[in-house]
Amino acid sequence: MSAISPARSAVRQDASPDAATTPRAGVLQPAHHKPRPRPYPSRTGFPAVSVVVPARNEARNLEIVLPAISRVRPSVHEIIVVDGHSTDDSIAAARAALPSARVVTQTRRGKGNAMACGFAAAPATSS
């Protein structure tokens, strides 16, 4: 005996030939129009990038890391060092290693707050 019995047909006889292309009620159909062009802000060749460096008792590491970050030109626009209430000379080391770096003190504890303080200190771009 075959898998399809002669009493049942594989194709529905009552379906119209273009039933597959006829839209059904309540079913969203794809729009066949072009999307509206969106105005894009003018871009410069190199975007301004701010690097946020959270640091707590990292004086020795900042002497190595900050000059290395500043050499990534023209990508790095500014470096913001967020001090997490260090007990060593992290702020002095940051200023000695890279005088152009901005030093911000975080408001609460934790790396998340340090990052939030650094992001708040970064300049907002207009778009």
PDB file of N, CA and C in Angstrom:
ATOM      1  N   MET A   1       0.844  -1.171   0.000  1.00  0.00           N
ATOM      2  CA  MET A   1       0.000   0.000   0.000  1.00  0.00           C
ATOM      3  C   MET A   1       0.892   1.238   0.000  1.00  0.00           C
ATOM      4  N   SER A   2       0.506   2.256  -0.733  1.00  0.00           N
ATOM      5  CA  SER A   2       1.325   3.454  -0.836  1.00  0.00           C
ATOM      6  C   SER A   2       1.077   4.372   0.351  1.00  0.00           C
ATOM      7  N   ALA A   3       1.992   5.344   0.528  1.00  0.00           N
ATOM      8  CA  ALA A   3       1.885   6.280   1.641  1.00  0.00           C
ATOM      9  C   ALA A   3       0.712   7.225   1.450  1.00  0.00           C
ATOM     10  N   ILE A   4       0.360   7.543   0.218  1.00  0.00           N
ATOM     11  CA  ILE A   4      -0.780   8.419  -0.058  1.00  0.00           C
ATOM     12  C   ILE A   4      -1.873   7.571  -0.681  1.00  0.00           C
ATOM     13  N   SER A   5      -2.985   7.538  -0.038  1.00  0.00           N
ATOM     14  CA  SER A   5      -4.074   6.717  -0.562  1.00  0.00           C
ATOM     15  C   SER A   5      -4.749   7.431  -1.728  1.00  0.00           C
ATOM     16  N   PRO A   6      -5.346   6.720  -2.643  1.00  0.00           N
ATOM     17  CA  PRO A   6      -5.991   7.353  -3.788  1.00  0.00           C
ATOM     18  C   PRO A   6      -7.174   8.211  -3.374  1.00  0.00           C
ATOM     19  N   ALA A   7      -7.742   7.979  -2.200  1.00  0.00           N
ATOM     20  CA  ALA A   7      -8.886   8.788  -1.774  1.00  0.00           C
ATOM     21  C   ALA A   7      -8.444  10.195  -1.378  1.00  0.00           C
ATOM     22  N   ARG A   8      -7.217  10.325  -0.908  1.00  0.00           N
ATOM     23  CA  ARG A   8      -6.699  11.645  -0.530  1.00  0.00           C
ATOM     24  C   ARG A   8      -5.749  12.127  -1.602  1.00  0.00           C
ATOM     25  N   SER A   9      -5.911  13.332  -1.955  1.00  0.00           N
ATOM     26  CA  SER A   9      -5.004  13.904  -2.941  1.00  0.00           C
ATOM     27  C   SER A   9      -3.960  14.756  -2.218  1.00  0.00           C
ATOM     28  N   ALA A  10      -2.766  14.836  -2.748  1.00  0.00           N
ATOM     29  CA  ALA A  10      -1.711  15.642  -2.143  1.00  0.00           C
ATOM     30  C   ALA A  10      -1.993  17.126  -2.299  1.00  0.00           C
ATOM     31  N   VAL A  11      -2.793  17.502  -3.299  1.00  0.00           N
ATOM     32  CA  VAL A  11      -3.123  18.900  -3.546  1.00  0.00           C
ATOM     33  C   VAL A  11      -4.590  19.097  -3.229  1.00  0.00           C
ATOM     34  N   ARG A  12      -4.896  20.185  -2.504  1.00  0.00           N
ATOM     35  CA  ARG A  12      -6.300  20.464  -2.189  1.00  0.00           C
ATOM     36  C   ARG A  12      -7.018  20.889  -3.451  1.00  0.00           C
ATOM     37  N   GLN A  13      -8.135  20.287  -3.707  1.00  0.00           N
ATOM     38  CA  GLN A  13      -8.895  20.595  -4.910  1.00  0.00           C
ATOM     39  C   GLN A  13      -9.675  21.898  -4.771  1.00  0.00           C
ATOM     40  N   ASP A  14     -10.042  22.285  -3.522  1.00  0.00           N
ATOM     41  CA  ASP A  14     -10.878  23.469  -3.351  1.00  0.00           C
ATOM     42  C   ASP A  14     -10.064  24.760  -3.288  1.00  0.00           C
ATOM     43  N   ALA A  15      -8.755  24.672  -3.293  1.00  0.00           N
ATOM     44  CA  ALA A  15      -7.924  25.870  -3.199  1.00  0.00           C
ATOM     45  C   ALA A  15      -7.805  26.511  -4.568  1.00  0.00           C
ATOM     46  N   SER A  16      -7.896  27.797  -4.595  1.00  0.00           N
ATOM     47  CA  SER A  16      -7.740  28.516  -5.862  1.00  0.00           C
ATOM     48  C   SER A  16      -6.273  28.523  -6.249  1.00  0.00           C
ATOM     49  N   PRO A  17      -5.950  28.703  -7.515  1.00  0.00           N
ATOM     50  CA  PRO A  17      -4.556  28.629  -7.939  1.00  0.00           C
ATOM     51  C   PRO A  17      -3.675  29.705  -7.317  1.00  0.00           C
ATOM     52  N   ASP A  18      -4.211  30.880  -7.075  1.00  0.00           N
ATOM     53  CA  ASP A  18      -3.391  31.931  -6.478  1.00  0.00           C
ATOM     54  C   ASP A  18      -3.756  32.163  -5.007  1.00  0.00           C
ATOM     55  N   ALA A  19      -4.140  31.110  -4.310  1.00  0.00           N
ATOM     56  CA  ALA A  19      -4.473  31.229  -2.892  1.00  0.00           C
ATOM     57  C   ALA A  19      -3.233  31.531  -2.062  1.00  0.00           C
ATOM     58  N   ALA A  20      -2.082  31.099  -2.534  1.00  0.00           N
ATOM     59  CA  ALA A  20      -0.849  31.343  -1.784  1.00  0.00           C
ATOM     60  C   ALA A  20      -0.429  32.803  -1.855  1.00  0.00           C
ATOM     61  N   THR A  21      -0.826  33.512  -2.909  1.00  0.00           N
ATOM     62  CA  THR A  21      -0.423  34.909  -3.060  1.00  0.00           C
ATOM     63  C   THR A  21      -1.493  35.882  -2.620  1.00  0.00           C
ATOM     64  N   THR A  22      -2.696  35.400  -2.317  1.00  0.00           N
ATOM     65  CA  THR A  22      -3.782  36.272  -1.881  1.00  0.00           C
ATOM     66  C   THR A  22      -3.577  36.640  -0.420  1.00  0.00           C
ATOM     67  N   PRO A  23      -3.588  37.974  -0.076  1.00  0.00           N
ATOM     68  CA  PRO A  23      -3.390  38.357   1.327  1.00  0.00           C
ATOM     69  C   PRO A  23      -4.562  37.915   2.183  1.00  0.00           C
ATOM     70  N   ARG A  24      -4.248  37.466   3.372  1.00  0.00           N
ATOM     71  CA  ARG A  24      -5.278  37.032   4.309  1.00  0.00           C
ATOM     72  C   ARG A  24      -5.568  38.158   5.281  1.00  0.00           C
ATOM     73  N   ALA A  25      -6.754  38.207   5.802  1.00  0.00           N
ATOM     74  CA  ALA A  25      -7.144  39.241   6.760  1.00  0.00           C
ATOM     75  C   ALA A  25      -6.383  39.044   8.064  1.00  0.00           C
ATOM     76  N   GLY A  26      -5.850  40.138   8.606  1.00  0.00           N
ATOM     77  CA  GLY A  26      -5.169  40.091   9.879  1.00  0.00           C
ATOM     78  C   GLY A  26      -3.697  39.711   9.795  1.00  0.00           C
ATOM     79  N   VAL A  27      -3.184  39.434   8.596  1.00  0.00           N
ATOM     80  CA  VAL A  27      -1.781  39.067   8.429  1.00  0.00           C
ATOM     81  C   VAL A  27      -1.053  40.254   7.819  1.00  0.00           C
ATOM     82  N   LEU A  28       0.027  40.659   8.443  1.00  0.00           N
ATOM     83  CA  LEU A  28       0.797  41.782   7.930  1.00  0.00           C
ATOM     84  C   LEU A  28       1.559  41.365   6.686  1.00  0.00           C
ATOM     85  N   GLN A  29       1.467  42.168   5.680  1.00  0.00           N
ATOM     86  CA  GLN A  29       2.167  41.916   4.437  1.00  0.00           C
ATOM     87  C   GLN A  29       3.375  42.848   4.356  1.00  0.00           C
ATOM     88  N   PRO A  30       4.467  42.423   3.746  1.00  0.00           N
ATOM     89  CA  PRO A  30       5.633  43.299   3.635  1.00  0.00           C
ATOM     90  C   PRO A  30       5.325  44.488   2.732  1.00  0.00           C
ATOM     91  N   ALA A  31       5.832  45.626   3.134  1.00  0.00           N
ATOM     92  CA  ALA A  31       5.641  46.830   2.342  1.00  0.00           C
ATOM     93  C   ALA A  31       6.602  46.794   1.161  1.00  0.00           C
ATOM     94  N   HIS A  32       6.131  47.216   0.031  1.00  0.00           N
ATOM     95  CA  HIS A  32       6.951  47.221  -1.174  1.00  0.00           C
ATOM     96  C   HIS A  32       7.271  48.644  -1.587  1.00  0.00           C
ATOM     97  N   HIS A  33       7.720  49.427  -0.629  1.00  0.00           N
ATOM     98  CA  HIS A  33       8.116  50.797  -0.938  1.00  0.00           C
ATOM     99  C   HIS A  33       9.512  51.043  -0.398  1.00  0.00           C
ATOM    100  N   LYS A  34      10.166  52.038  -0.925  1.00  0.00           N
ATOM    101  CA  LYS A  34      11.510  52.369  -0.472  1.00  0.00           C
ATOM    102  C   LYS A  34      11.438  53.079   0.866  1.00  0.00           C
ATOM    103  N   PRO A  35      12.360  52.800   1.775  1.00  0.00           N
ATOM    104  CA  PRO A  35      12.369  53.518   3.056  1.00  0.00           C
ATOM    105  C   PRO A  35      12.747  54.979   2.836  1.00  0.00           C
ATOM    106  N   ARG A  36      12.204  55.804   3.677  1.00  0.00           N
ATOM    107  CA  ARG A  36      12.475  57.232   3.591  1.00  0.00           C
ATOM    108  C   ARG A  36      13.941  57.488   3.938  1.00  0.00           C
ATOM    109  N   PRO A  37      14.649  58.264   3.120  1.00  0.00           N
ATOM    110  CA  PRO A  37      16.053  58.537   3.451  1.00  0.00           C
ATOM    111  C   PRO A  37      16.160  59.346   4.733  1.00  0.00           C
ATOM    112  N   ARG A  38      17.115  58.975   5.558  1.00  0.00           N
ATOM    113  CA  ARG A  38      17.318  59.672   6.833  1.00  0.00           C
ATOM    114  C   ARG A  38      18.515  60.590   6.709  1.00  0.00           C
ATOM    115  N   PRO A  39      18.396  61.768   7.269  1.00  0.00           N
ATOM    116  CA  PRO A  39      19.549  62.677   7.197  1.00  0.00           C
ATOM    117  C   PRO A  39      20.648  62.195   8.141  1.00  0.00           C
ATOM    118  N   TYR A  40      21.849  62.085   7.637  1.00  0.00           N
ATOM    119  CA  TYR A  40      22.981  61.672   8.435  1.00  0.00           C
ATOM    120  C   TYR A  40      23.813  62.898   8.798  1.00  0.00           C
ATOM    121  N   PRO A  41      24.305  62.963  10.035  1.00  0.00           N
ATOM    122  CA  PRO A  41      25.160  64.096  10.388  1.00  0.00           C
ATOM    123  C   PRO A  41      26.463  64.012   9.601  1.00  0.00           C
ATOM    124  N   SER A  42      27.016  65.157   9.310  1.00  0.00           N
ATOM    125  CA  SER A  42      28.281  65.148   8.592  1.00  0.00           C
ATOM    126  C   SER A  42      29.359  64.577   9.499  1.00  0.00           C
ATOM    127  N   ARG A  43      30.183  63.726   8.943  1.00  0.00           N
ATOM    128  CA  ARG A  43      31.218  63.073   9.730  1.00  0.00           C
ATOM    129  C   ARG A  43      32.580  63.569   9.294  1.00  0.00           C
ATOM    130  N   THR A  44      33.459  63.642  10.268  1.00  0.00           N
ATOM    131  CA  THR A  44      34.835  63.959   9.958  1.00  0.00           C
ATOM    132  C   THR A  44      35.560  62.665   9.638  1.00  0.00           C
ATOM    133  N   GLY A  45      36.781  62.770   9.212  1.00  0.00           N
ATOM    134  CA  GLY A  45      37.549  61.584   8.888  1.00  0.00           C
ATOM    135  C   GLY A  45      37.811  60.714  10.095  1.00  0.00           C
ATOM    136  N   PHE A  46      37.994  61.341  11.248  1.00  0.00           N
ATOM    137  CA  PHE A  46      38.295  60.593  12.461  1.00  0.00           C
ATOM    138  C   PHE A  46      37.342  61.043  13.568  1.00  0.00           C
ATOM    139  N   PRO A  47      36.548  60.139  14.133  1.00  0.00           N
ATOM    140  CA  PRO A  47      35.654  60.529  15.228  1.00  0.00           C
ATOM    141  C   PRO A  47      36.443  60.806  16.506  1.00  0.00           C
ATOM    142  N   ALA A  48      35.884  61.646  17.363  1.00  0.00           N
ATOM    143  CA  ALA A  48      36.512  61.945  18.651  1.00  0.00           C
ATOM    144  C   ALA A  48      36.212  60.804  19.617  1.00  0.00           C
ATOM    145  N   VAL A  49      37.260  60.182  20.144  1.00  0.00           N
ATOM    146  CA  VAL A  49      37.111  59.048  21.048  1.00  0.00           C
ATOM    147  C   VAL A  49      37.695  59.427  22.400  1.00  0.00           C
ATOM    148  N   SER A  50      36.909  59.232  23.450  1.00  0.00           N
ATOM    149  CA  SER A  50      37.385  59.443  24.817  1.00  0.00           C
ATOM    150  C   SER A  50      37.634  58.077  25.449  1.00  0.00           C
ATOM    151  N   VAL A  51      38.780  57.925  26.084  1.00  0.00           N
ATOM    152  CA  VAL A  51      39.128  56.671  26.757  1.00  0.00           C
ATOM    153  C   VAL A  51      39.016  56.901  28.256  1.00  0.00           C
ATOM    154  N   VAL A  52      38.225  56.071  28.943  1.00  0.00           N
ATOM    155  CA  VAL A  52      38.043  56.175  30.381  1.00  0.00           C
ATOM    156  C   VAL A  52      38.887  55.096  31.052  1.00  0.00           C
ATOM    157  N   VAL A  53      39.770  55.525  31.960  1.00  0.00           N
ATOM    158  CA  VAL A  53      40.651  54.595  32.661  1.00  0.00           C
ATOM    159  C   VAL A  53      40.324  54.649  34.154  1.00  0.00           C
ATOM    160  N   PRO A  54      39.604  53.642  34.695  1.00  0.00           N
ATOM    161  CA  PRO A  54      39.368  53.616  36.133  1.00  0.00           C
ATOM    162  C   PRO A  54      40.637  53.154  36.848  1.00  0.00           C
ATOM    163  N   ALA A  55      40.993  53.837  37.927  1.00  0.00           N
ATOM    164  CA  ALA A  55      42.241  53.498  38.619  1.00  0.00           C
ATOM    165  C   ALA A  55      42.085  53.678  40.118  1.00  0.00           C
ATOM    166  N   ARG A  56      42.525  52.675  40.849  1.00  0.00           N
ATOM    167  CA  ARG A  56      42.595  52.760  42.311  1.00  0.00           C
ATOM    168  C   ARG A  56      43.905  52.111  42.733  1.00  0.00           C
ATOM    169  N   ASN A  57      44.803  52.916  43.265  1.00  0.00           N
ATOM    170  CA  ASN A  57      46.139  52.462  43.659  1.00  0.00           C
ATOM    171  C   ASN A  57      46.878  51.829  42.477  1.00  0.00           C
ATOM    172  N   GLU A  58      46.908  52.534  41.360  1.00  0.00           N
ATOM    173  CA  GLU A  58      47.530  52.038  40.134  1.00  0.00           C
ATOM    174  C   GLU A  58      48.651  52.959  39.658  1.00  0.00           C
ATOM    175  N   ALA A  59      49.385  53.590  40.551  1.00  0.00           N
ATOM    176  CA  ALA A  59      50.411  54.567  40.167  1.00  0.00           C
ATOM    177  C   ALA A  59      51.453  53.946  39.242  1.00  0.00           C
ATOM    178  N   ARG A  60      51.946  52.769  39.566  1.00  0.00           N
ATOM    179  CA  ARG A  60      52.990  52.140  38.746  1.00  0.00           C
ATOM    180  C   ARG A  60      52.463  51.754  37.362  1.00  0.00           C
ATOM    181  N   ASN A  61      51.234  51.299  37.298  1.00  0.00           N
ATOM    182  CA  ASN A  61      50.664  50.903  36.006  1.00  0.00           C
ATOM    183  C   ASN A  61      50.305  52.109  35.140  1.00  0.00           C
ATOM    184  N   LEU A  62      49.852  53.189  35.752  1.00  0.00           N
ATOM    185  CA  LEU A  62      49.488  54.371  34.981  1.00  0.00           C
ATOM    186  C   LEU A  62      50.687  54.970  34.260  1.00  0.00           C
ATOM    187  N   GLU A  63      51.869  54.839  34.849  1.00  0.00           N
ATOM    188  CA  GLU A  63      53.081  55.360  34.209  1.00  0.00           C
ATOM    189  C   GLU A  63      53.369  54.649  32.887  1.00  0.00           C
ATOM    190  N   ILE A  64      52.908  53.425  32.742  1.00  0.00           N
ATOM    191  CA  ILE A  64      53.140  52.645  31.524  1.00  0.00           C
ATOM    192  C   ILE A  64      51.947  52.743  30.575  1.00  0.00           C
ATOM    193  N   VAL A  65      50.743  52.643  31.130  1.00  0.00           N
ATOM    194  CA  VAL A  65      49.539  52.534  30.311  1.00  0.00           C
ATOM    195  C   VAL A  65      49.164  53.858  29.638  1.00  0.00           C
ATOM    196  N   LEU A  66      49.214  54.961  30.359  1.00  0.00           N
ATOM    197  CA  LEU A  66      48.751  56.226  29.790  1.00  0.00           C
ATOM    198  C   LEU A  66      49.557  56.674  28.569  1.00  0.00           C
ATOM    199  N   PRO A  67      50.898  56.625  28.594  1.00  0.00           N
ATOM    200  CA  PRO A  67      51.617  56.984  27.365  1.00  0.00           C
ATOM    201  C   PRO A  67      51.312  56.037  26.198  1.00  0.00           C
ATOM    202  N   ALA A  68      51.091  54.763  26.494  1.00  0.00           N
ATOM    203  CA  ALA A  68      50.763  53.805  25.428  1.00  0.00           C
ATOM    204  C   ALA A  68      49.410  54.125  24.794  1.00  0.00           C
ATOM    205  N   ILE A  69      48.445  54.501  25.612  1.00  0.00           N
ATOM    206  CA  ILE A  69      47.126  54.854  25.083  1.00  0.00           C
ATOM    207  C   ILE A  69      47.212  56.140  24.265  1.00  0.00           C
ATOM    208  N   SER A  70      47.987  57.097  24.735  1.00  0.00           N
ATOM    209  CA  SER A  70      48.055  58.383  24.035  1.00  0.00           C
ATOM    210  C   SER A  70      48.749  58.270  22.682  1.00  0.00           C
ATOM    211  N   ARG A  71      49.529  57.233  22.467  1.00  0.00           N
ATOM    212  CA  ARG A  71      50.191  57.046  21.171  1.00  0.00           C
ATOM    213  C   ARG A  71      49.251  56.543  20.088  1.00  0.00           C
ATOM    214  N   VAL A  72      48.054  56.134  20.450  1.00  0.00           N
ATOM    215  CA  VAL A  72      47.080  55.667  19.464  1.00  0.00           C
ATOM    216  C   VAL A  72      46.422  56.916  18.862  1.00  0.00           C
ATOM    217  N   ARG A  73      47.056  57.456  17.868  1.00  0.00           N
ATOM    218  CA  ARG A  73      46.567  58.671  17.211  1.00  0.00           C
ATOM    219  C   ARG A  73      46.169  58.329  15.799  1.00  0.00           C
ATOM    220  N   PRO A  74      45.235  58.987  15.245  1.00  0.00           N
ATOM    221  CA  PRO A  74      44.395  60.069  15.719  1.00  0.00           C
ATOM    222  C   PRO A  74      43.133  59.582  16.399  1.00  0.00           C
ATOM    223  N   SER A  75      43.040  58.289  16.685  1.00  0.00           N
ATOM    224  CA  SER A  75      41.800  57.740  17.237  1.00  0.00           C
ATOM    225  C   SER A  75      41.447  58.282  18.615  1.00  0.00           C
ATOM    226  N   VAL A  76      42.420  58.402  19.517  1.00  0.00           N
ATOM    227  CA  VAL A  76      42.131  58.810  20.889  1.00  0.00           C
ATOM    228  C   VAL A  76      42.131  60.330  20.971  1.00  0.00           C
ATOM    229  N   HIS A  77      40.971  60.871  21.284  1.00  0.00           N
ATOM    230  CA  HIS A  77      40.806  62.320  21.398  1.00  0.00           C
ATOM    231  C   HIS A  77      41.237  62.814  22.774  1.00  0.00           C
ATOM    232  N   GLU A  78      40.804  62.102  23.805  1.00  0.00           N
ATOM    233  CA  GLU A  78      41.164  62.465  25.178  1.00  0.00           C
ATOM    234  C   GLU A  78      41.180  61.230  26.059  1.00  0.00           C
ATOM    235  N   ILE A  79      41.920  61.336  27.169  1.00  0.00           N
ATOM    236  CA  ILE A  79      41.997  60.254  28.147  1.00  0.00           C
ATOM    237  C   ILE A  79      41.505  60.800  29.476  1.00  0.00           C
ATOM    238  N   ILE A  80      40.545  60.092  30.058  1.00  0.00           N
ATOM    239  CA  ILE A  80      39.972  60.489  31.341  1.00  0.00           C
ATOM    240  C   ILE A  80      40.354  59.426  32.364  1.00  0.00           C
ATOM    241  N   VAL A  81      41.110  59.822  33.374  1.00  0.00           N
ATOM    242  CA  VAL A  81      41.506  58.915  34.453  1.00  0.00           C
ATOM    243  C   VAL A  81      40.557  59.160  35.614  1.00  0.00           C
ATOM    244  N   VAL A  82      39.890  58.106  36.062  1.00  0.00           N
ATOM    245  CA  VAL A  82      38.952  58.213  37.181  1.00  0.00           C
ATOM    246  C   VAL A  82      39.624  57.609  38.400  1.00  0.00           C
ATOM    247  N   ASP A  83      39.891  58.440  39.388  1.00  0.00           N
ATOM    248  CA  ASP A  83      40.561  57.992  40.607  1.00  0.00           C
ATOM    249  C   ASP A  83      39.529  57.471  41.597  1.00  0.00           C
ATOM    250  N   GLY A  84      39.756  56.262  42.088  1.00  0.00           N
ATOM    251  CA  GLY A  84      38.854  55.630  43.042  1.00  0.00           C
ATOM    252  C   GLY A  84      39.324  55.792  44.467  1.00  0.00           C
ATOM    253  N   HIS A  85      39.646  57.024  44.868  1.00  0.00           N
ATOM    254  CA  HIS A  85      40.113  57.338  46.224  1.00  0.00           C
ATOM    255  C   HIS A  85      41.376  56.539  46.548  1.00  0.00           C
ATOM    256  N   SER A  86      42.388  56.683  45.690  1.00  0.00           N
ATOM    257  CA  SER A  86      43.644  55.950  45.845  1.00  0.00           C
ATOM    258  C   SER A  86      44.417  56.418  47.064  1.00  0.00           C
ATOM    259  N   THR A  87      45.133  55.480  47.680  1.00  0.00           N
ATOM    260  CA  THR A  87      45.989  55.832  48.811  1.00  0.00           C
ATOM    261  C   THR A  87      47.437  56.014  48.375  1.00  0.00           C
ATOM    262  N   ASP A  88      47.770  55.592  47.174  1.00  0.00           N
ATOM    263  CA  ASP A  88      49.115  55.854  46.660  1.00  0.00           C
ATOM    264  C   ASP A  88      49.084  57.144  45.828  1.00  0.00           C
ATOM    265  N   ASP A  89      50.098  57.398  45.059  1.00  0.00           N
ATOM    266  CA  ASP A  89      50.181  58.633  44.282  1.00  0.00           C
ATOM    267  C   ASP A  89      49.657  58.429  42.861  1.00  0.00           C
ATOM    268  N   SER A  90      48.493  57.849  42.716  1.00  0.00           N
ATOM    269  CA  SER A  90      47.947  57.583  41.385  1.00  0.00           C
ATOM    270  C   SER A  90      47.670  58.867  40.616  1.00  0.00           C
ATOM    271  N   ILE A  91      47.128  59.875  41.281  1.00  0.00           N
ATOM    272  CA  ILE A  91      46.814  61.127  40.594  1.00  0.00           C
ATOM    273  C   ILE A  91      48.096  61.812  40.132  1.00  0.00           C
ATOM    274  N   ALA A  92      49.095  61.877  40.999  1.00  0.00           N
ATOM    275  CA  ALA A  92      50.367  62.496  40.630  1.00  0.00           C
ATOM    276  C   ALA A  92      51.048  61.708  39.512  1.00  0.00           C
ATOM    277  N   ALA A  93      50.968  60.385  39.556  1.00  0.00           N
ATOM    278  CA  ALA A  93      51.567  59.568  38.507  1.00  0.00           C
ATOM    279  C   ALA A  93      50.857  59.776  37.174  1.00  0.00           C
ATOM    280  N   ALA A  94      49.533  59.909  37.215  1.00  0.00           N
ATOM    281  CA  ALA A  94      48.777  60.151  35.982  1.00  0.00           C
ATOM    282  C   ALA A  94      49.143  61.495  35.377  1.00  0.00           C
ATOM    283  N   ARG A  95      49.233  62.521  36.203  1.00  0.00           N
ATOM    284  CA  ARG A  95      49.589  63.854  35.702  1.00  0.00           C
ATOM    285  C   ARG A  95      51.035  63.911  35.219  1.00  0.00           C
ATOM    286  N   ALA A  96      51.933  63.163  35.850  1.00  0.00           N
ATOM    287  CA  ALA A  96      53.321  63.138  35.413  1.00  0.00           C
ATOM    288  C   ALA A  96      53.477  62.348  34.113  1.00  0.00           C
ATOM    289  N   ALA A  97      52.759  61.247  33.984  1.00  0.00           N
ATOM    290  CA  ALA A  97      52.875  60.414  32.789  1.00  0.00           C
ATOM    291  C   ALA A  97      52.227  61.053  31.571  1.00  0.00           C
ATOM    292  N   LEU A  98      51.103  61.734  31.793  1.00  0.00           N
ATOM    293  CA  LEU A  98      50.379  62.340  30.681  1.00  0.00           C
ATOM    294  C   LEU A  98      49.693  63.606  31.177  1.00  0.00           C
ATOM    295  N   PRO A  99      50.351  64.766  31.052  1.00  0.00           N
ATOM    296  CA  PRO A  99      49.768  66.008  31.568  1.00  0.00           C
ATOM    297  C   PRO A  99      48.439  66.383  30.914  1.00  0.00           C
ATOM    298  N   SER A 100      48.177  65.904  29.708  1.00  0.00           N
ATOM    299  CA  SER A 100      46.925  66.260  29.029  1.00  0.00           C
ATOM    300  C   SER A 100      45.733  65.418  29.486  1.00  0.00           C
ATOM    301  N   ALA A 101      45.977  64.390  30.281  1.00  0.00           N
ATOM    302  CA  ALA A 101      44.876  63.537  30.754  1.00  0.00           C
ATOM    303  C   ALA A 101      44.030  64.287  31.773  1.00  0.00           C
ATOM    304  N   ARG A 102      42.715  64.088  31.678  1.00  0.00           N
ATOM    305  CA  ARG A 102      41.805  64.668  32.671  1.00  0.00           C
ATOM    306  C   ARG A 102      41.675  63.695  33.822  1.00  0.00           C
ATOM    307  N   VAL A 103      41.766  64.217  35.047  1.00  0.00           N
ATOM    308  CA  VAL A 103      41.639  63.371  36.238  1.00  0.00           C
ATOM    309  C   VAL A 103      40.337  63.735  36.936  1.00  0.00           C
ATOM    310  N   VAL A 104      39.507  62.718  37.170  1.00  0.00           N
ATOM    311  CA  VAL A 104      38.213  62.886  37.829  1.00  0.00           C
ATOM    312  C   VAL A 104      38.192  61.947  39.022  1.00  0.00           C
ATOM    313  N   THR A 105      37.589  62.377  40.121  1.00  0.00           N
ATOM    314  CA  THR A 105      37.431  61.509  41.288  1.00  0.00           C
ATOM    315  C   THR A 105      36.029  60.936  41.283  1.00  0.00           C
ATOM    316  N   GLN A 106      35.912  59.625  41.497  1.00  0.00           N
ATOM    317  CA  GLN A 106      34.590  59.011  41.480  1.00  0.00           C
ATOM    318  C   GLN A 106      33.802  59.372  42.720  1.00  0.00           C
ATOM    319  N   THR A 107      32.481  59.300  42.607  1.00  0.00           N
ATOM    320  CA  THR A 107      31.593  59.766  43.670  1.00  0.00           C
ATOM    321  C   THR A 107      31.268  58.692  44.700  1.00  0.00           C
ATOM    322  N   ARG A 108      31.252  57.418  44.273  1.00  0.00           N
ATOM    323  CA  ARG A 108      30.956  56.319  45.198  1.00  0.00           C
ATOM    324  C   ARG A 108      32.028  55.256  45.039  1.00  0.00           C
ATOM    325  N   ARG A 109      31.709  54.020  45.406  1.00  0.00           N
ATOM    326  CA  ARG A 109      32.675  52.932  45.323  1.00  0.00           C
ATOM    327  C   ARG A 109      32.351  52.034  44.135  1.00  0.00           C
ATOM    328  N   GLY A 110      33.360  51.322  43.666  1.00  0.00           N
ATOM    329  CA  GLY A 110      33.158  50.305  42.645  1.00  0.00           C
ATOM    330  C   GLY A 110      33.552  50.743  41.253  1.00  0.00           C
ATOM    331  N   LYS A 111      33.852  49.749  40.435  1.00  0.00           N
ATOM    332  CA  LYS A 111      34.262  50.021  39.063  1.00  0.00           C
ATOM    333  C   LYS A 111      33.121  50.584  38.226  1.00  0.00           C
ATOM    334  N   GLY A 112      31.908  50.125  38.482  1.00  0.00           N
ATOM    335  CA  GLY A 112      30.753  50.639  37.737  1.00  0.00           C
ATOM    336  C   GLY A 112      30.567  52.124  37.942  1.00  0.00           C
ATOM    337  N   ASN A 113      30.706  52.581  39.185  1.00  0.00           N
ATOM    338  CA  ASN A 113      30.591  54.006  39.459  1.00  0.00           C
ATOM    339  C   ASN A 113      31.748  54.771  38.843  1.00  0.00           C
ATOM    340  N   ALA A 114      32.942  54.180  38.841  1.00  0.00           N
ATOM    341  CA  ALA A 114      34.094  54.837  38.216  1.00  0.00           C
ATOM    342  C   ALA A 114      33.851  55.031  36.728  1.00  0.00           C
ATOM    343  N   MET A 115      33.325  54.017  36.081  1.00  0.00           N
ATOM    344  CA  MET A 115      33.033  54.137  34.653  1.00  0.00           C
ATOM    345  C   MET A 115      31.937  55.171  34.404  1.00  0.00           C
ATOM    346  N   ALA A 116      30.906  55.176  35.248  1.00  0.00           N
ATOM    347  CA  ALA A 116      29.825  56.156  35.081  1.00  0.00           C
ATOM    348  C   ALA A 116      30.342  57.580  35.262  1.00  0.00           C
ATOM    349  N   CYS A 117      31.225  57.786  36.216  1.00  0.00           N
ATOM    350  CA  CYS A 117      31.803  59.121  36.415  1.00  0.00           C
ATOM    351  C   CYS A 117      32.667  59.524  35.221  1.00  0.00           C
ATOM    352  N   GLY A 118      33.388  58.569  34.656  1.00  0.00           N
ATOM    353  CA  GLY A 118      34.188  58.858  33.477  1.00  0.00           C
ATOM    354  C   GLY A 118      33.343  59.180  32.270  1.00  0.00           C
ATOM    355  N   PHE A 119      32.251  58.449  32.081  1.00  0.00           N
ATOM    356  CA  PHE A 119      31.366  58.720  30.958  1.00  0.00           C
ATOM    357  C   PHE A 119      30.689  60.075  31.107  1.00  0.00           C
ATOM    358  N   ALA A 120      30.356  60.441  32.352  1.00  0.00           N
ATOM    359  CA  ALA A 120      29.730  61.740  32.583  1.00  0.00           C
ATOM    360  C   ALA A 120      30.706  62.871  32.296  1.00  0.00           C
ATOM    361  N   ALA A 121      32.000  62.625  32.498  1.00  0.00           N
ATOM    362  CA  ALA A 121      33.000  63.661  32.260  1.00  0.00           C
ATOM    363  C   ALA A 121      33.354  63.795  30.791  1.00  0.00           C
ATOM    364  N   ALA A 122      33.042  62.778  29.987  1.00  0.00           N
ATOM    365  CA  ALA A 122      33.343  62.845  28.556  1.00  0.00           C
ATOM    366  C   ALA A 122      32.408  63.848  27.887  1.00  0.00           C
ATOM    367  N   PRO A 123      32.909  64.585  26.925  1.00  0.00           N
ATOM    368  CA  PRO A 123      32.058  65.577  26.263  1.00  0.00           C
ATOM    369  C   PRO A 123      30.982  64.906  25.424  1.00  0.00           C
ATOM    370  N   ALA A 124      29.806  65.487  25.444  1.00  0.00           N
ATOM    371  CA  ALA A 124      28.705  64.977  24.630  1.00  0.00           C
ATOM    372  C   ALA A 124      28.894  65.486  23.205  1.00  0.00           C
ATOM    373  N   THR A 125      28.633  64.606  22.241  1.00  0.00           N
ATOM    374  CA  THR A 125      28.759  65.013  20.851  1.00  0.00           C
ATOM    375  C   THR A 125      27.400  65.425  20.323  1.00  0.00           C
ATOM    376  N   SER A 126      27.388  66.345  19.429  1.00  0.00           N
ATOM    377  CA  SER A 126      26.118  66.768  18.827  1.00  0.00           C
ATOM    378  C   SER A 126      25.900  65.964  17.565  1.00  0.00           C
ATOM    379  N   SER A 127      24.696  65.431  17.428  1.00  0.00           N
ATOM    380  CA  SER A 127      24.399  64.649  16.226  1.00  0.00           C
ATOM    381  C   SER A 127      23.124  65.106  15.598  1.00  0.00           C
TER     382      SER A 127
END
